[in-house]
N, C-alpha and C. Protein backbone atom coordinates (compact mmCIF):
# COMPACT_ATOMS: atom_id res chain seq x y z
N MET A 1 -187.60 12.18 -68.61
CA MET A 1 -187.88 13.21 -69.60
C MET A 1 -187.40 14.58 -69.13
N LEU A 2 -187.60 14.84 -67.85
CA LEU A 2 -187.14 16.12 -67.29
C LEU A 2 -185.61 16.20 -67.31
N ASN A 3 -184.96 15.10 -66.94
CA ASN A 3 -183.49 15.10 -66.96
C ASN A 3 -182.95 15.28 -68.37
N THR A 4 -183.62 14.64 -69.33
CA THR A 4 -183.21 14.80 -70.73
C THR A 4 -183.36 16.24 -71.18
N ALA A 5 -184.46 16.88 -70.77
CA ALA A 5 -184.69 18.27 -71.13
C ALA A 5 -183.62 19.18 -70.52
N ILE A 6 -183.18 18.85 -69.31
CA ILE A 6 -182.10 19.61 -68.67
C ILE A 6 -180.80 19.42 -69.45
N GLU A 7 -180.50 18.16 -69.82
CA GLU A 7 -179.26 17.88 -70.55
C GLU A 7 -179.23 18.59 -71.89
N ARG A 8 -180.40 18.69 -72.55
CA ARG A 8 -180.48 19.35 -73.85
C ARG A 8 -180.64 20.87 -73.72
N LYS A 9 -180.67 21.34 -72.48
CA LYS A 9 -180.81 22.77 -72.19
C LYS A 9 -182.13 23.34 -72.71
N CYS A 10 -183.16 22.46 -72.69
CA CYS A 10 -184.50 22.92 -73.06
C CYS A 10 -185.19 23.59 -71.87
N ILE A 11 -184.84 23.18 -70.66
CA ILE A 11 -185.30 23.86 -69.45
C ILE A 11 -184.09 24.11 -68.56
N SER A 12 -184.22 25.09 -67.67
CA SER A 12 -183.07 25.53 -66.88
C SER A 12 -183.04 24.97 -65.47
N GLY A 13 -184.24 24.73 -64.89
CA GLY A 13 -184.26 24.36 -63.48
C GLY A 13 -183.70 25.49 -62.63
N PHE A 14 -183.19 25.15 -61.43
CA PHE A 14 -182.55 26.18 -60.61
C PHE A 14 -181.52 25.54 -59.69
N LYS A 15 -180.65 26.37 -59.16
CA LYS A 15 -179.64 25.92 -58.20
C LYS A 15 -179.87 26.62 -56.88
N CYS A 16 -179.77 25.84 -55.79
CA CYS A 16 -179.93 26.45 -54.47
C CYS A 16 -178.78 27.41 -54.19
N ILE A 17 -177.59 26.97 -54.47
CA ILE A 17 -176.40 27.80 -54.35
C ILE A 17 -175.48 27.48 -55.52
N ARG A 18 -174.49 28.30 -55.72
CA ARG A 18 -173.57 28.11 -56.84
C ARG A 18 -172.82 26.78 -56.73
N PHE A 19 -172.54 26.15 -57.88
CA PHE A 19 -171.79 24.91 -57.99
C PHE A 19 -172.54 23.68 -57.47
N THR A 20 -173.84 23.80 -57.22
CA THR A 20 -174.64 22.65 -56.82
C THR A 20 -175.38 22.12 -58.05
N PRO A 21 -175.85 20.86 -58.01
CA PRO A 21 -176.59 20.30 -59.16
C PRO A 21 -177.86 21.10 -59.45
N ILE A 22 -178.27 21.07 -60.71
CA ILE A 22 -179.50 21.74 -61.12
C ILE A 22 -180.71 20.91 -60.68
N ILE A 23 -181.68 21.57 -60.09
CA ILE A 23 -182.92 20.90 -59.67
C ILE A 23 -184.01 21.24 -60.69
N SER A 24 -184.57 20.21 -61.33
CA SER A 24 -185.62 20.44 -62.31
C SER A 24 -187.00 20.11 -61.76
N HIS A 25 -187.04 19.29 -60.68
CA HIS A 25 -188.35 18.87 -60.15
C HIS A 25 -188.19 18.33 -58.73
N LEU A 26 -189.30 18.36 -58.02
CA LEU A 26 -189.42 17.72 -56.72
C LEU A 26 -190.75 16.97 -56.71
N PHE A 27 -190.72 15.66 -56.45
CA PHE A 27 -191.93 14.84 -56.46
C PHE A 27 -192.30 14.46 -55.03
N PHE A 28 -193.57 14.64 -54.69
CA PHE A 28 -194.11 14.25 -53.39
C PHE A 28 -195.25 13.26 -53.61
N THR A 29 -195.83 12.77 -52.54
CA THR A 29 -196.90 11.78 -52.66
C THR A 29 -198.08 12.33 -53.45
N ASP A 30 -198.50 13.54 -53.11
CA ASP A 30 -199.69 14.12 -53.75
C ASP A 30 -199.39 15.34 -54.59
N ASP A 31 -198.16 15.76 -54.65
CA ASP A 31 -197.83 16.99 -55.37
C ASP A 31 -196.52 16.82 -56.14
N SER A 32 -196.37 17.63 -57.15
CA SER A 32 -195.13 17.67 -57.92
C SER A 32 -194.78 19.13 -58.19
N LEU A 33 -193.50 19.45 -58.09
CA LEU A 33 -193.03 20.80 -58.39
C LEU A 33 -192.06 20.72 -59.57
N LEU A 34 -192.30 21.53 -60.58
CA LEU A 34 -191.43 21.60 -61.74
C LEU A 34 -190.83 22.99 -61.80
N PHE A 35 -189.53 23.08 -62.09
CA PHE A 35 -188.85 24.37 -62.06
C PHE A 35 -188.31 24.73 -63.44
N SER A 36 -188.49 25.99 -63.80
CA SER A 36 -187.96 26.49 -65.07
C SER A 36 -187.86 28.00 -64.99
N LYS A 37 -187.24 28.58 -66.01
CA LYS A 37 -187.25 30.03 -66.12
C LYS A 37 -188.65 30.49 -66.52
N ALA A 38 -188.96 31.74 -66.21
CA ALA A 38 -190.25 32.31 -66.61
C ALA A 38 -190.17 32.74 -68.07
N SER A 39 -190.06 31.73 -68.95
CA SER A 39 -189.95 32.01 -70.38
C SER A 39 -190.96 31.15 -71.13
N CYS A 40 -191.41 31.66 -72.28
CA CYS A 40 -192.39 30.94 -73.08
C CYS A 40 -191.83 29.62 -73.58
N LYS A 41 -190.56 29.61 -73.97
CA LYS A 41 -189.96 28.39 -74.52
C LYS A 41 -189.98 27.27 -73.49
N GLU A 42 -189.59 27.58 -72.27
CA GLU A 42 -189.52 26.53 -71.25
C GLU A 42 -190.91 26.08 -70.81
N CYS A 43 -191.88 26.98 -70.85
CA CYS A 43 -193.26 26.59 -70.53
C CYS A 43 -193.79 25.59 -71.55
N VAL A 44 -193.47 25.83 -72.83
CA VAL A 44 -193.89 24.89 -73.89
C VAL A 44 -193.26 23.53 -73.66
N VAL A 45 -191.99 23.51 -73.29
CA VAL A 45 -191.29 22.24 -73.04
C VAL A 45 -191.94 21.49 -71.88
N LEU A 46 -192.23 22.18 -70.78
CA LEU A 46 -192.86 21.53 -69.63
C LEU A 46 -194.23 20.98 -69.98
N ARG A 47 -195.00 21.72 -70.77
CA ARG A 47 -196.32 21.23 -71.17
C ARG A 47 -196.17 19.98 -72.04
N GLY A 48 -195.17 19.97 -72.90
CA GLY A 48 -194.94 18.80 -73.73
C GLY A 48 -194.56 17.57 -72.92
N ILE A 49 -193.73 17.78 -71.90
CA ILE A 49 -193.34 16.67 -71.02
C ILE A 49 -194.56 16.13 -70.28
N SER A 50 -195.42 17.02 -69.82
CA SER A 50 -196.66 16.59 -69.13
C SER A 50 -197.52 15.75 -70.05
N ASP A 51 -197.65 16.19 -71.31
CA ASP A 51 -198.46 15.46 -72.29
C ASP A 51 -197.88 14.08 -72.56
N ASN A 52 -196.57 14.00 -72.72
CA ASN A 52 -195.93 12.71 -72.96
C ASN A 52 -196.10 11.77 -71.76
N TYR A 53 -196.01 12.33 -70.56
CA TYR A 53 -196.19 11.53 -69.34
C TYR A 53 -197.60 10.94 -69.28
N MET A 54 -198.60 11.77 -69.59
CA MET A 54 -199.99 11.30 -69.53
C MET A 54 -200.22 10.18 -70.53
N LYS A 55 -199.65 10.29 -71.73
CA LYS A 55 -199.83 9.26 -72.74
C LYS A 55 -199.10 7.97 -72.37
N ALA A 56 -197.93 8.10 -71.74
CA ALA A 56 -197.12 6.93 -71.42
C ALA A 56 -197.68 6.13 -70.25
N PHE A 57 -198.23 6.83 -69.24
CA PHE A 57 -198.64 6.16 -68.01
C PHE A 57 -200.15 6.12 -67.80
N GLY A 58 -200.89 6.74 -68.71
CA GLY A 58 -202.35 6.70 -68.59
C GLY A 58 -202.91 7.53 -67.45
N GLN A 59 -202.11 8.39 -66.86
CA GLN A 59 -202.56 9.28 -65.80
C GLN A 59 -202.85 10.66 -66.38
N VAL A 60 -203.66 11.42 -65.69
CA VAL A 60 -204.07 12.73 -66.18
C VAL A 60 -203.63 13.81 -65.20
N VAL A 61 -202.99 14.84 -65.72
CA VAL A 61 -202.63 15.99 -64.90
C VAL A 61 -203.83 16.95 -64.87
N ASN A 62 -204.30 17.26 -63.68
CA ASN A 62 -205.43 18.17 -63.55
C ASN A 62 -204.91 19.61 -63.54
N PHE A 63 -204.97 20.26 -64.70
CA PHE A 63 -204.43 21.61 -64.81
C PHE A 63 -205.32 22.63 -64.08
N ASN A 64 -206.57 22.26 -63.81
CA ASN A 64 -207.45 23.15 -63.05
C ASN A 64 -207.00 23.25 -61.60
N LYS A 65 -206.27 22.24 -61.13
CA LYS A 65 -205.76 22.26 -59.76
C LYS A 65 -204.26 22.55 -59.73
N SER A 66 -203.74 22.96 -60.84
CA SER A 66 -202.32 23.30 -60.92
C SER A 66 -202.15 24.81 -60.85
N ASP A 67 -200.96 25.25 -60.54
CA ASP A 67 -200.72 26.68 -60.40
C ASP A 67 -199.32 27.02 -60.88
N ILE A 68 -199.13 28.29 -61.23
CA ILE A 68 -197.83 28.80 -61.62
C ILE A 68 -197.35 29.79 -60.58
N CYS A 69 -196.20 29.56 -60.04
CA CYS A 69 -195.61 30.47 -59.06
C CYS A 69 -194.36 31.11 -59.65
N VAL A 70 -194.23 32.40 -59.48
CA VAL A 70 -193.05 33.11 -59.99
C VAL A 70 -192.34 33.79 -58.82
N SER A 71 -191.08 34.09 -59.02
CA SER A 71 -190.31 34.73 -57.96
C SER A 71 -190.81 36.15 -57.71
N LYS A 72 -190.51 36.67 -56.55
CA LYS A 72 -190.96 38.02 -56.20
C LYS A 72 -190.35 39.08 -57.10
N SER A 73 -189.22 38.73 -57.71
CA SER A 73 -188.56 39.70 -58.59
C SER A 73 -189.22 39.78 -59.97
N THR A 74 -190.18 38.89 -60.24
CA THR A 74 -190.88 38.91 -61.52
C THR A 74 -192.07 39.86 -61.43
N SER A 75 -192.00 40.97 -62.12
CA SER A 75 -193.07 41.96 -62.07
C SER A 75 -194.27 41.50 -62.89
N LYS A 76 -195.43 42.17 -62.67
CA LYS A 76 -196.62 41.87 -63.46
C LYS A 76 -196.36 42.16 -64.93
N CYS A 77 -195.59 43.20 -65.17
CA CYS A 77 -195.26 43.54 -66.56
C CYS A 77 -194.44 42.43 -67.20
N SER A 78 -193.47 41.92 -66.42
CA SER A 78 -192.64 40.83 -66.95
C SER A 78 -193.46 39.57 -67.18
N LEU A 79 -194.38 39.28 -66.23
CA LEU A 79 -195.23 38.11 -66.38
C LEU A 79 -196.11 38.23 -67.61
N GLY A 80 -196.65 39.44 -67.82
CA GLY A 80 -197.46 39.66 -69.01
C GLY A 80 -196.65 39.50 -70.28
N SER A 81 -195.40 39.93 -70.20
CA SER A 81 -194.51 39.78 -71.35
C SER A 81 -194.24 38.31 -71.63
N VAL A 82 -194.09 37.51 -70.57
CA VAL A 82 -193.87 36.08 -70.74
C VAL A 82 -195.07 35.44 -71.44
N ILE A 83 -196.27 35.82 -71.01
CA ILE A 83 -197.48 35.26 -71.61
C ILE A 83 -197.57 35.64 -73.08
N TRP A 84 -197.33 36.93 -73.38
CA TRP A 84 -197.39 37.39 -74.77
C TRP A 84 -196.32 36.71 -75.61
N ASN A 85 -195.10 36.65 -75.08
CA ASN A 85 -194.02 35.99 -75.82
C ASN A 85 -194.31 34.50 -75.99
N GLY A 86 -195.02 33.92 -75.01
CA GLY A 86 -195.42 32.52 -75.13
C GLY A 86 -196.33 32.30 -76.32
N LEU A 87 -197.26 33.21 -76.51
CA LEU A 87 -198.15 33.12 -77.67
C LEU A 87 -197.38 33.25 -78.97
N LEU A 88 -196.41 34.18 -78.99
CA LEU A 88 -195.59 34.36 -80.19
C LEU A 88 -194.74 33.13 -80.46
N TRP A 89 -194.22 32.53 -79.37
CA TRP A 89 -193.40 31.33 -79.53
C TRP A 89 -194.24 30.17 -80.06
N GLU A 90 -195.47 30.03 -79.55
CA GLU A 90 -196.37 28.99 -80.06
C GLU A 90 -196.62 29.19 -81.55
N LYS A 91 -196.77 30.46 -81.95
CA LYS A 91 -196.99 30.76 -83.37
C LYS A 91 -195.80 30.31 -84.20
N LYS A 92 -194.58 30.58 -83.69
CA LYS A 92 -193.37 30.18 -84.41
C LYS A 92 -193.32 28.66 -84.58
N ILE A 93 -193.72 27.93 -83.53
CA ILE A 93 -193.72 26.47 -83.60
C ILE A 93 -194.72 25.99 -84.64
N LEU A 94 -195.91 26.60 -84.64
CA LEU A 94 -196.94 26.21 -85.60
C LEU A 94 -196.48 26.46 -87.03
N VAL A 95 -195.85 27.60 -87.24
CA VAL A 95 -195.35 27.92 -88.59
C VAL A 95 -194.24 26.94 -88.99
N ALA A 96 -193.36 26.63 -88.05
CA ALA A 96 -192.22 25.75 -88.35
C ALA A 96 -192.67 24.35 -88.74
N GLY A 97 -193.79 23.89 -88.19
CA GLY A 97 -194.22 22.51 -88.44
C GLY A 97 -195.37 22.36 -89.41
N SER A 98 -195.82 23.46 -89.99
CA SER A 98 -196.99 23.41 -90.88
C SER A 98 -196.58 23.52 -92.34
N ARG A 99 -197.36 22.90 -93.19
CA ARG A 99 -197.18 23.02 -94.64
C ARG A 99 -198.54 22.78 -95.31
N TRP A 100 -198.58 23.06 -96.60
CA TRP A 100 -199.81 22.85 -97.37
C TRP A 100 -199.91 21.39 -97.82
N ARG A 101 -201.11 20.84 -97.71
CA ARG A 101 -201.43 19.56 -98.34
C ARG A 101 -202.10 19.86 -99.68
N ILE A 102 -201.51 19.36 -100.75
CA ILE A 102 -201.99 19.69 -102.09
C ILE A 102 -203.14 18.78 -102.50
N ARG A 103 -204.21 19.42 -102.96
CA ARG A 103 -205.34 18.70 -103.53
C ARG A 103 -205.56 19.15 -104.98
N ASP A 104 -205.99 20.41 -105.18
CA ASP A 104 -206.12 20.90 -106.55
C ASP A 104 -205.03 21.92 -106.91
N GLY A 105 -204.25 22.35 -105.90
CA GLY A 105 -203.13 23.25 -106.15
C GLY A 105 -203.51 24.68 -106.46
N SER A 106 -204.78 25.04 -106.32
CA SER A 106 -205.24 26.37 -106.71
C SER A 106 -205.01 27.44 -105.65
N SER A 107 -204.56 27.02 -104.47
CA SER A 107 -204.37 27.98 -103.37
C SER A 107 -202.91 28.15 -102.98
N VAL A 108 -202.01 27.45 -103.65
CA VAL A 108 -200.63 27.37 -103.20
C VAL A 108 -199.67 27.82 -104.29
N SER A 109 -198.77 28.73 -103.94
CA SER A 109 -197.74 29.20 -104.87
C SER A 109 -196.57 28.23 -104.89
N ILE A 110 -196.07 27.94 -106.07
CA ILE A 110 -194.96 27.00 -106.22
C ILE A 110 -193.73 27.46 -105.43
N TYR A 111 -193.42 28.75 -105.51
CA TYR A 111 -192.17 29.25 -104.95
C TYR A 111 -192.33 30.01 -103.63
N GLU A 112 -193.52 30.51 -103.36
CA GLU A 112 -193.70 31.36 -102.19
C GLU A 112 -194.20 30.59 -100.96
N ASP A 113 -194.88 29.48 -101.16
CA ASP A 113 -195.51 28.78 -100.04
C ASP A 113 -194.73 27.54 -99.61
N ARG A 114 -195.09 27.04 -98.43
CA ARG A 114 -194.46 25.85 -97.85
C ARG A 114 -195.38 24.66 -98.17
N TRP A 115 -194.96 23.79 -99.07
CA TRP A 115 -195.84 22.69 -99.48
C TRP A 115 -195.10 21.39 -99.81
N VAL A 116 -193.79 21.45 -99.98
CA VAL A 116 -193.02 20.24 -100.31
C VAL A 116 -192.81 19.44 -99.03
N PRO A 117 -193.15 18.15 -98.99
CA PRO A 117 -193.07 17.36 -97.76
C PRO A 117 -191.64 17.01 -97.36
N ARG A 118 -190.87 18.07 -97.04
CA ARG A 118 -189.46 17.90 -96.71
C ARG A 118 -189.03 19.01 -95.76
N PRO A 119 -188.89 18.69 -94.45
CA PRO A 119 -188.41 19.70 -93.51
C PRO A 119 -186.99 20.13 -93.87
N SER A 120 -186.52 21.31 -93.39
CA SER A 120 -187.31 22.11 -92.48
C SER A 120 -188.00 23.30 -93.15
N THR A 121 -187.71 23.57 -94.40
CA THR A 121 -188.29 24.75 -95.06
C THR A 121 -189.59 24.44 -95.78
N PHE A 122 -189.77 23.19 -96.21
CA PHE A 122 -190.95 22.77 -96.99
C PHE A 122 -191.07 23.56 -98.30
N ARG A 123 -189.98 24.13 -98.76
CA ARG A 123 -190.01 24.95 -99.97
C ARG A 123 -189.18 24.31 -101.09
N ILE A 124 -189.39 24.82 -102.30
CA ILE A 124 -188.66 24.38 -103.47
C ILE A 124 -187.21 24.87 -103.41
N PHE A 125 -186.26 23.98 -103.74
CA PHE A 125 -184.86 24.36 -103.81
C PHE A 125 -184.47 24.84 -105.21
N SER A 126 -185.16 24.35 -106.22
CA SER A 126 -184.77 24.57 -107.61
C SER A 126 -184.86 26.03 -108.02
N PRO A 127 -184.01 26.47 -108.95
CA PRO A 127 -184.12 27.83 -109.50
C PRO A 127 -185.48 27.99 -110.19
N PRO A 128 -186.08 29.16 -110.11
CA PRO A 128 -187.41 29.37 -110.70
C PRO A 128 -187.41 29.17 -112.22
N LYS A 129 -188.38 28.40 -112.67
CA LYS A 129 -188.59 28.24 -114.11
C LYS A 129 -189.91 28.90 -114.53
N PHE A 130 -190.83 29.00 -113.56
CA PHE A 130 -192.12 29.64 -113.81
C PHE A 130 -192.11 31.03 -113.18
N GLY A 131 -193.19 31.78 -113.41
CA GLY A 131 -193.34 33.07 -112.76
C GLY A 131 -193.48 32.93 -111.27
N VAL A 132 -193.08 33.94 -110.52
CA VAL A 132 -193.05 33.85 -109.06
C VAL A 132 -194.42 33.57 -108.46
N ASN A 133 -195.49 33.98 -109.14
CA ASN A 133 -196.84 33.79 -108.62
C ASN A 133 -197.55 32.55 -109.19
N THR A 134 -196.82 31.72 -109.91
CA THR A 134 -197.43 30.52 -110.51
C THR A 134 -197.90 29.56 -109.42
N LEU A 135 -199.09 29.02 -109.59
CA LEU A 135 -199.67 28.12 -108.60
C LEU A 135 -199.31 26.68 -108.89
N VAL A 136 -199.40 25.85 -107.85
CA VAL A 136 -199.10 24.43 -107.99
C VAL A 136 -200.04 23.76 -108.98
N SER A 137 -201.22 24.32 -109.17
CA SER A 137 -202.18 23.75 -110.12
C SER A 137 -201.60 23.65 -111.53
N ALA A 138 -200.59 24.47 -111.84
CA ALA A 138 -199.95 24.42 -113.16
C ALA A 138 -199.20 23.12 -113.37
N LEU A 139 -198.94 22.39 -112.29
CA LEU A 139 -198.21 21.13 -112.38
C LEU A 139 -199.13 19.92 -112.40
N ILE A 140 -200.44 20.17 -112.36
CA ILE A 140 -201.43 19.10 -112.26
C ILE A 140 -202.19 18.97 -113.58
N THR A 141 -202.40 17.74 -114.02
CA THR A 141 -203.09 17.50 -115.28
C THR A 141 -204.61 17.65 -115.10
N ASP A 142 -205.32 17.70 -116.21
CA ASP A 142 -206.78 17.82 -116.16
C ASP A 142 -207.43 16.61 -115.51
N SER A 143 -206.75 15.47 -115.57
CA SER A 143 -207.31 14.26 -114.96
C SER A 143 -207.03 14.17 -113.46
N GLY A 144 -206.29 15.16 -112.91
CA GLY A 144 -206.08 15.22 -111.47
C GLY A 144 -204.84 14.53 -110.96
N GLY A 145 -203.82 14.40 -111.77
CA GLY A 145 -202.56 13.81 -111.33
C GLY A 145 -201.40 14.74 -111.65
N TRP A 146 -200.23 14.41 -111.15
CA TRP A 146 -199.07 15.23 -111.44
C TRP A 146 -198.70 15.11 -112.92
N ASN A 147 -198.31 16.20 -113.51
CA ASN A 147 -197.76 16.19 -114.86
C ASN A 147 -196.29 15.79 -114.73
N VAL A 148 -196.05 14.49 -114.76
CA VAL A 148 -194.73 13.94 -114.42
C VAL A 148 -193.62 14.50 -115.31
N PRO A 149 -193.78 14.51 -116.64
CA PRO A 149 -192.70 15.06 -117.47
C PRO A 149 -192.40 16.53 -117.15
N LEU A 150 -193.46 17.32 -116.91
CA LEU A 150 -193.26 18.73 -116.60
C LEU A 150 -192.54 18.90 -115.27
N VAL A 151 -192.93 18.11 -114.26
CA VAL A 151 -192.29 18.20 -112.95
C VAL A 151 -190.81 17.84 -113.05
N ARG A 152 -190.50 16.78 -113.76
CA ARG A 152 -189.11 16.32 -113.83
C ARG A 152 -188.23 17.29 -114.61
N GLU A 153 -188.79 17.96 -115.60
CA GLU A 153 -187.97 18.88 -116.39
C GLU A 153 -187.89 20.27 -115.77
N SER A 154 -188.73 20.55 -114.78
CA SER A 154 -188.80 21.90 -114.20
C SER A 154 -188.08 22.03 -112.87
N PHE A 155 -187.75 20.88 -112.22
CA PHE A 155 -187.17 20.95 -110.89
C PHE A 155 -185.96 20.03 -110.77
N LEU A 156 -185.12 20.33 -109.81
CA LEU A 156 -184.00 19.45 -109.49
C LEU A 156 -184.54 18.09 -109.05
N PRO A 157 -183.76 17.01 -109.25
CA PRO A 157 -184.25 15.67 -108.91
C PRO A 157 -184.80 15.55 -107.49
N GLU A 158 -184.14 16.19 -106.53
CA GLU A 158 -184.60 16.10 -105.14
C GLU A 158 -185.99 16.70 -104.98
N ASP A 159 -186.22 17.85 -105.61
CA ASP A 159 -187.54 18.47 -105.57
C ASP A 159 -188.58 17.63 -106.31
N ALA A 160 -188.21 17.17 -107.50
CA ALA A 160 -189.14 16.40 -108.33
C ALA A 160 -189.62 15.15 -107.61
N GLU A 161 -188.70 14.42 -106.97
CA GLU A 161 -189.09 13.20 -106.26
C GLU A 161 -190.00 13.51 -105.08
N ALA A 162 -189.70 14.59 -104.37
CA ALA A 162 -190.54 14.97 -103.23
C ALA A 162 -191.95 15.35 -103.69
N ILE A 163 -192.04 16.07 -104.79
CA ILE A 163 -193.35 16.48 -105.32
C ILE A 163 -194.15 15.27 -105.77
N LEU A 164 -193.52 14.39 -106.54
CA LEU A 164 -194.22 13.24 -107.09
C LEU A 164 -194.61 12.22 -106.03
N SER A 165 -194.01 12.32 -104.85
CA SER A 165 -194.37 11.40 -103.77
C SER A 165 -195.66 11.80 -103.07
N MET A 166 -196.15 12.99 -103.38
CA MET A 166 -197.33 13.50 -102.70
C MET A 166 -198.61 12.95 -103.33
N PRO A 167 -199.49 12.33 -102.54
CA PRO A 167 -200.75 11.81 -103.07
C PRO A 167 -201.79 12.93 -103.23
N PHE A 168 -202.84 12.63 -103.95
CA PHE A 168 -203.95 13.56 -104.11
C PHE A 168 -205.16 13.06 -103.34
N GLY A 169 -206.09 13.99 -103.04
CA GLY A 169 -207.35 13.61 -102.43
C GLY A 169 -208.41 13.44 -103.49
N THR A 170 -209.66 13.58 -103.08
CA THR A 170 -210.76 13.49 -104.03
C THR A 170 -210.82 14.76 -104.86
N SER A 171 -211.53 14.69 -105.97
CA SER A 171 -211.62 15.84 -106.87
C SER A 171 -212.34 17.01 -106.25
N GLN A 172 -213.15 16.73 -105.19
CA GLN A 172 -213.89 17.80 -104.54
C GLN A 172 -213.09 18.50 -103.45
N SER A 173 -211.97 17.94 -103.04
CA SER A 173 -211.21 18.50 -101.93
C SER A 173 -210.34 19.66 -102.39
N THR A 174 -209.99 20.52 -101.45
CA THR A 174 -209.15 21.69 -101.74
C THR A 174 -207.89 21.64 -100.90
N ASP A 175 -206.93 22.49 -101.25
CA ASP A 175 -205.68 22.57 -100.50
C ASP A 175 -205.96 22.96 -99.05
N SER A 176 -205.16 22.45 -98.14
CA SER A 176 -205.36 22.78 -96.72
C SER A 176 -204.02 22.78 -95.99
N LEU A 177 -203.94 23.59 -94.94
CA LEU A 177 -202.75 23.60 -94.09
C LEU A 177 -202.81 22.43 -93.12
N ILE A 178 -201.69 21.72 -92.97
CA ILE A 178 -201.63 20.59 -92.05
C ILE A 178 -200.39 20.70 -91.19
N TRP A 179 -200.38 19.93 -90.09
CA TRP A 179 -199.21 19.79 -89.23
C TRP A 179 -198.41 18.60 -89.75
N HIS A 180 -197.20 18.86 -90.24
CA HIS A 180 -196.42 17.85 -90.94
C HIS A 180 -196.03 16.66 -90.06
N TYR A 181 -195.87 16.88 -88.76
CA TYR A 181 -195.25 15.88 -87.90
C TYR A 181 -196.22 14.92 -87.23
N GLU A 182 -197.45 14.87 -87.68
CA GLU A 182 -198.40 13.85 -87.25
C GLU A 182 -199.05 13.25 -88.49
N ASN A 183 -199.32 11.95 -88.46
CA ASN A 183 -199.83 11.25 -89.63
C ASN A 183 -201.13 11.83 -90.16
N TYR A 184 -201.99 12.30 -89.26
CA TYR A 184 -203.28 12.83 -89.69
C TYR A 184 -203.27 14.33 -89.92
N GLY A 185 -202.10 14.95 -89.78
CA GLY A 185 -201.98 16.36 -90.08
C GLY A 185 -202.52 17.29 -89.02
N THR A 186 -202.81 16.76 -87.83
CA THR A 186 -203.35 17.56 -86.74
C THR A 186 -202.29 17.82 -85.68
N TYR A 187 -202.17 19.05 -85.25
CA TYR A 187 -201.16 19.42 -84.26
C TYR A 187 -201.36 18.66 -82.95
N SER A 188 -200.27 18.25 -82.33
CA SER A 188 -200.30 17.65 -81.00
C SER A 188 -199.24 18.31 -80.13
N VAL A 189 -199.51 18.37 -78.84
CA VAL A 189 -198.55 18.96 -77.90
C VAL A 189 -197.24 18.16 -77.93
N ARG A 190 -197.36 16.84 -78.07
CA ARG A 190 -196.17 15.97 -78.08
C ARG A 190 -195.20 16.37 -79.18
N SER A 191 -195.68 16.45 -80.42
CA SER A 191 -194.79 16.79 -81.52
C SER A 191 -194.41 18.27 -81.49
N GLY A 192 -195.32 19.14 -81.03
CA GLY A 192 -194.99 20.55 -80.89
C GLY A 192 -193.88 20.76 -79.88
N TYR A 193 -193.91 19.99 -78.80
CA TYR A 193 -192.86 20.06 -77.78
C TYR A 193 -191.50 19.70 -78.38
N LYS A 194 -191.47 18.64 -79.20
CA LYS A 194 -190.20 18.20 -79.78
C LYS A 194 -189.65 19.25 -80.75
N ILE A 195 -190.54 19.83 -81.54
CA ILE A 195 -190.10 20.87 -82.47
C ILE A 195 -189.61 22.09 -81.69
N GLY A 196 -190.37 22.50 -80.66
CA GLY A 196 -189.98 23.65 -79.85
C GLY A 196 -188.64 23.44 -79.16
N CYS A 197 -188.42 22.22 -78.67
CA CYS A 197 -187.16 21.91 -77.99
C CYS A 197 -186.01 22.00 -78.98
N HIS A 198 -186.22 21.52 -80.18
CA HIS A 198 -185.19 21.61 -81.21
C HIS A 198 -184.91 23.06 -81.59
N MET A 199 -185.97 23.85 -81.74
CA MET A 199 -185.80 25.25 -82.12
C MET A 199 -185.07 26.04 -81.05
N ALA A 200 -185.20 25.62 -79.79
CA ALA A 200 -184.57 26.35 -78.68
C ALA A 200 -183.07 26.09 -78.60
N GLN A 201 -182.58 25.06 -79.29
CA GLN A 201 -181.16 24.75 -79.25
C GLN A 201 -180.39 25.71 -80.15
N PRO A 202 -179.21 26.16 -79.72
CA PRO A 202 -178.44 27.15 -80.48
C PRO A 202 -178.09 26.72 -81.89
N ASP A 203 -177.88 25.41 -82.12
CA ASP A 203 -177.44 24.95 -83.44
C ASP A 203 -178.59 24.41 -84.27
N SER A 204 -179.84 24.80 -83.95
CA SER A 204 -181.00 24.23 -84.62
C SER A 204 -181.10 24.61 -86.07
N SER A 205 -180.39 25.65 -86.51
CA SER A 205 -180.49 26.09 -87.89
C SER A 205 -179.36 25.58 -88.78
N SER A 206 -178.56 24.65 -88.27
CA SER A 206 -177.42 24.17 -89.04
C SER A 206 -177.86 23.11 -90.04
N GLY A 207 -178.09 23.55 -91.28
CA GLY A 207 -178.43 22.59 -92.33
C GLY A 207 -179.92 22.48 -92.52
N LEU A 208 -180.36 22.36 -93.78
CA LEU A 208 -181.77 22.28 -94.08
C LEU A 208 -182.38 20.97 -93.63
N ASN A 209 -181.58 19.91 -93.54
CA ASN A 209 -182.11 18.60 -93.20
C ASN A 209 -181.91 18.24 -91.73
N SER A 210 -181.39 19.18 -90.93
CA SER A 210 -181.09 18.86 -89.54
C SER A 210 -182.34 18.50 -88.75
N LEU A 211 -183.43 19.20 -88.99
CA LEU A 211 -184.66 18.93 -88.26
C LEU A 211 -185.22 17.56 -88.61
N GLU A 212 -185.19 17.20 -89.90
CA GLU A 212 -185.70 15.90 -90.31
C GLU A 212 -184.87 14.79 -89.71
N SER A 213 -183.55 14.92 -89.70
CA SER A 213 -182.67 13.90 -89.13
C SER A 213 -182.90 13.78 -87.63
N TRP A 214 -183.05 14.91 -86.97
CA TRP A 214 -183.29 14.92 -85.52
C TRP A 214 -184.61 14.26 -85.19
N TRP A 215 -185.65 14.53 -86.01
CA TRP A 215 -186.98 13.97 -85.75
C TRP A 215 -186.97 12.45 -85.89
N LYS A 216 -186.32 11.94 -86.95
CA LYS A 216 -186.29 10.51 -87.19
C LYS A 216 -185.52 9.77 -86.12
N ALA A 217 -184.58 10.48 -85.48
CA ALA A 217 -183.75 9.84 -84.47
C ALA A 217 -184.50 9.63 -83.16
N LEU A 218 -185.62 10.35 -82.95
CA LEU A 218 -186.34 10.25 -81.69
C LEU A 218 -187.18 8.97 -81.64
């Protein structure tokens, strides 16, 4: 996993001298050393690799006995900046992988919110037919199902099929934000790591469907 992350340029590792191989880790009997840049993106990747390792081998990393060491050239200000930027990067990952789960549609805007189950934008592609502030509830019948004729005549076929594929909950449930990349809608470090690694790649924005294709390939 570490070597793959190096190949995908998700982590940098380090070189002892110029033109030598990149070192991403050193494993000992009782200790392990992982190397990366002091950046929020690479810290997220390393945490994701640790999580995947624990799930695959049934072992637990004791983070209470783990430590972070930085070079002497890294100032306290820079370290604080890394921590702050790490929080911002985590926020970007959460936003990138989250969308609305529709129940009654009363909390979600058709055109302004992320609710269509289709990465990477989760938004409607079709030209607006309703007002910009129209809620998804306008597409739902009084009996609690999609107004199929209205959906098909109001959106492009790709949008219409994506909308109609979405199930409803009970009549008492309300719209909620979920993590798209897990079946139960709950964020996991494993899937967050994969999204973060993809976002860190220079060509991650090429095409609206690139993220979905990349995810299915894993």
